[in-house]
Amino acid sequence: IRLLTRALDIPDQAVTVSGEPLLPRLGEMATFLTVLVGALLVSTMALTAALAGRGEQSAALSLRDDLTGAFNRRAFAGLFEREEQRSQAIGRPVSLICFDLDHFKAINDEHGHAAGDLVLVAMVAATRTLLRPHDLLFRWGGDEFLILLPHTTREEATAFAERVRAGIAATVVARH
């Protein structure tokens, strides 16, 4: 306030229109403005953090299938490229398994889409139990899925695909 009064050449004995000393009133206004600016900064930081969190959540959700939680087609290109580059860098192969569920359309037609959804969720859950931490499961569309297997030879992928087939075949889906 003192710097402001000097810069504006306001005399110490200046008064307001109502006759009150001006400098104490300017001090009160400065305190109010400081509190207001502080509240605005805190609010802005909280809003920025909330929006950033929502942005990260939205980005993560946009890469996942709503029903199964598997990665979706949108996520595939970036994750495949990352794993391909990594495998080249360390000199290890990467394998990809593509599969669908036989007669899935008949399940939807005979039992309804809710039953089909239960089958998809159960199939993904059964498949996840077989995945290693760095394996990636994608829902490509409908009943089509991909499994990206880093550091996996063709022979290892073939054996893994058979384990997935057997695990899915052994899965029992009960209606609620």
Protein backbone atom coordinates (compact mmCIF):
# COMPACT_ATOMS: atom_id res chain seq x y z
CA ILE A 1 0.00 0.00 0.00
CA ARG A 2 2.85 2.39 0.85
CA LEU A 3 4.45 1.74 -2.56
CA LEU A 4 1.11 2.31 -4.26
CA THR A 5 0.44 5.58 -2.40
CA ARG A 6 3.94 6.82 -3.25
CA ALA A 7 3.62 5.77 -6.89
CA LEU A 8 0.23 7.47 -7.18
CA ASP A 9 1.44 10.43 -5.09
CA ILE A 10 -1.37 10.02 -2.50
CA PRO A 11 -0.70 12.10 0.62
CA ASP A 12 -0.76 10.34 4.03
CA GLN A 13 -3.60 12.58 5.21
CA ALA A 14 -5.89 11.83 2.20
CA VAL A 15 -9.51 10.99 3.05
CA THR A 16 -12.39 9.16 1.38
CA VAL A 17 -15.53 10.96 0.13
CA SER A 18 -17.16 10.20 3.50
CA GLY A 19 -14.23 11.78 5.34
CA GLU A 20 -12.50 8.57 6.59
CA PRO A 21 -8.69 8.31 6.34
CA LEU A 22 -7.88 6.74 2.94
CA LEU A 23 -4.77 4.71 3.82
CA PRO A 24 -6.48 2.34 6.35
CA ARG A 25 -9.30 1.79 3.80
CA LEU A 26 -6.70 0.97 1.12
CA GLY A 27 -5.09 -1.47 3.59
CA GLU A 28 -8.45 -3.20 4.13
CA MET A 29 -8.98 -3.41 0.37
CA ALA A 30 -5.48 -4.84 -0.11
CA THR A 31 -6.17 -7.50 2.54
CA PHE A 32 -9.50 -8.34 0.88
CA LEU A 33 -7.87 -8.54 -2.56
CA THR A 34 -5.08 -10.75 -1.20
CA VAL A 35 -7.62 -13.14 0.31
CA LEU A 36 -9.67 -13.07 -2.90
CA VAL A 37 -6.65 -13.77 -5.12
CA GLY A 38 -5.56 -16.58 -2.77
CA ALA A 39 -9.03 -18.14 -2.92
CA LEU A 40 -9.02 -17.86 -6.71
CA LEU A 41 -5.61 -19.52 -6.93
CA VAL A 42 -6.66 -22.39 -4.68
CA SER A 43 -9.92 -22.82 -6.62
CA THR A 44 -8.09 -22.72 -9.95
CA MET A 45 -5.57 -25.31 -8.79
CA ALA A 46 -8.35 -27.60 -7.52
CA LEU A 47 -10.31 -27.22 -10.75
CA THR A 48 -7.21 -27.83 -12.85
CA ALA A 49 -6.40 -30.98 -10.87
CA ALA A 50 -9.99 -32.23 -11.18
CA LEU A 51 -10.05 -31.58 -14.93
CA ALA A 52 -6.67 -33.26 -15.38
CA GLY A 53 -7.91 -36.29 -13.47
CA ARG A 54 -11.04 -36.43 -15.61
CA GLY A 55 -8.94 -36.05 -18.75
CA GLU A 56 -6.72 -38.96 -17.71
CA GLN A 57 -9.78 -41.00 -16.79
CA SER A 58 -11.45 -40.21 -20.11
CA ALA A 59 -8.28 -41.07 -22.02
CA ALA A 60 -8.00 -44.38 -20.19
CA LEU A 61 -11.68 -45.15 -20.73
CA SER A 62 -11.42 -44.34 -24.42
CA LEU A 63 -8.87 -47.17 -24.76
CA ARG A 64 -10.99 -49.79 -22.99
CA ASP A 65 -14.05 -51.71 -24.04
CA ASP A 66 -16.99 -50.66 -21.86
CA LEU A 67 -18.39 -54.16 -21.43
CA THR A 68 -15.31 -56.33 -20.90
CA GLY A 69 -12.63 -53.88 -19.80
CA ALA A 70 -10.27 -55.30 -22.44
CA PHE A 71 -8.33 -52.82 -24.54
CA ASN A 72 -10.28 -51.74 -27.60
CA ARG A 73 -9.40 -51.36 -31.28
CA ARG A 74 -8.41 -47.71 -30.71
CA ALA A 75 -5.69 -48.79 -28.25
CA PHE A 76 -4.24 -51.45 -30.51
CA ALA A 77 -2.10 -49.39 -32.90
CA GLY A 78 -0.16 -47.54 -30.21
CA LEU A 79 0.34 -50.54 -27.96
CA PHE A 80 1.29 -52.82 -30.85
CA GLU A 81 3.85 -50.30 -32.12
CA ARG A 82 5.32 -49.94 -28.62
CA GLU A 83 5.66 -53.71 -28.19
CA GLU A 84 7.06 -54.17 -31.69
CA GLN A 85 9.76 -51.55 -31.07
CA ARG A 86 10.55 -53.04 -27.67
CA SER A 87 10.85 -56.56 -29.10
CA GLN A 88 13.17 -55.34 -31.85
CA ALA A 89 15.31 -53.50 -29.31
CA ILE A 90 15.82 -56.60 -27.17
CA GLY A 91 15.86 -59.10 -30.02
CA ARG A 92 12.81 -61.07 -28.89
CA PRO A 93 9.75 -61.94 -30.99
CA VAL A 94 6.24 -60.66 -30.47
CA SER A 95 3.22 -62.78 -31.35
CA LEU A 96 -0.41 -62.00 -31.98
CA ILE A 97 -3.36 -64.34 -31.50
CA CYS A 98 -6.66 -63.54 -33.21
CA PHE A 99 -9.79 -65.44 -32.23
CA ASP A 100 -13.55 -65.25 -32.04
CA LEU A 101 -16.26 -67.19 -30.26
CA ASP A 102 -17.85 -69.91 -32.38
CA HIS A 103 -21.61 -69.64 -32.78
CA PHE A 104 -21.80 -66.42 -30.78
CA LYS A 105 -24.57 -65.03 -33.01
CA ALA A 106 -26.71 -68.05 -32.08
CA ILE A 107 -26.28 -67.22 -28.37
CA ASN A 108 -27.51 -63.67 -28.96
CA ASP A 109 -30.35 -64.85 -31.20
CA GLU A 110 -31.57 -67.63 -28.90
CA HIS A 111 -30.91 -66.13 -25.47
CA GLY A 112 -30.73 -62.37 -26.08
CA HIS A 113 -27.95 -59.81 -26.04
CA ALA A 114 -27.81 -59.68 -22.24
CA ALA A 115 -26.86 -63.38 -22.25
CA GLY A 116 -24.32 -62.70 -24.99
CA ASP A 117 -22.82 -59.95 -22.86
CA LEU A 118 -22.49 -62.37 -19.93
CA VAL A 119 -20.67 -64.81 -22.20
CA LEU A 120 -18.25 -62.11 -23.38
CA VAL A 121 -17.51 -60.95 -19.83
CA ALA A 122 -16.97 -64.54 -18.64
CA MET A 123 -14.75 -65.33 -21.62
CA VAL A 124 -12.57 -62.27 -20.99
CA ALA A 125 -12.31 -63.13 -17.28
CA ALA A 126 -11.27 -66.69 -18.12
CA THR A 127 -8.71 -65.45 -20.64
CA ARG A 128 -7.24 -62.91 -18.20
CA THR A 129 -6.44 -65.68 -15.73
CA LEU A 130 -4.04 -67.10 -18.34
CA LEU A 131 -2.32 -63.86 -19.32
CA ARG A 132 1.10 -62.85 -18.10
CA PRO A 133 1.37 -59.33 -16.67
CA HIS A 134 2.78 -57.93 -19.94
CA ASP A 135 0.31 -59.67 -22.30
CA LEU A 136 -2.39 -57.45 -23.76
CA LEU A 137 -5.99 -58.46 -24.52
CA PHE A 138 -8.04 -56.48 -27.04
CA ARG A 139 -11.68 -56.64 -28.01
CA TRP A 140 -11.53 -56.05 -31.72
CA GLY A 141 -15.28 -56.02 -32.21
CA GLY A 142 -18.33 -58.10 -31.40
CA ASP A 143 -16.94 -61.50 -30.44
CA GLU A 144 -13.49 -60.96 -32.01
CA PHE A 145 -10.44 -60.64 -29.79
CA LEU A 146 -6.68 -60.23 -30.09
CA ILE A 147 -3.97 -61.15 -27.62
CA LEU A 148 -0.61 -59.45 -28.04
CA LEU A 149 2.16 -61.61 -26.59
CA PRO A 150 5.50 -59.82 -26.19
CA HIS A 151 8.64 -61.97 -25.98
CA THR A 152 6.76 -64.96 -27.38
CA THR A 153 7.75 -67.27 -30.22
CA ARG A 154 5.27 -68.75 -32.69
CA GLU A 155 5.48 -72.11 -30.92
CA GLU A 156 4.88 -70.55 -27.51
CA ALA A 157 1.96 -68.54 -28.92
CA THR A 158 0.43 -71.67 -30.44
CA ALA A 159 0.62 -73.49 -27.10
CA PHE A 160 -0.82 -70.43 -25.33
CA ALA A 161 -3.68 -70.20 -27.85
CA GLU A 162 -4.58 -73.81 -27.08
CA ARG A 163 -4.61 -73.05 -23.33
CA VAL A 164 -6.92 -70.09 -24.01
CA ARG A 165 -9.21 -72.25 -26.15
CA ALA A 166 -9.38 -74.92 -23.45
CA GLY A 167 -9.92 -72.33 -20.69
CA ILE A 168 -12.78 -70.71 -22.59
CA ALA A 169 -14.32 -74.09 -23.45
CA ALA A 170 -14.29 -75.02 -19.75
CA THR A 171 -15.95 -71.76 -18.68
CA VAL A 172 -19.52 -72.13 -17.47
CA VAL A 173 -21.75 -69.08 -17.82
CA ALA A 174 -24.82 -68.99 -15.61
CA ARG A 175 -27.65 -66.53 -15.99
CA HIS A 176 -28.41 -64.44 -12.96
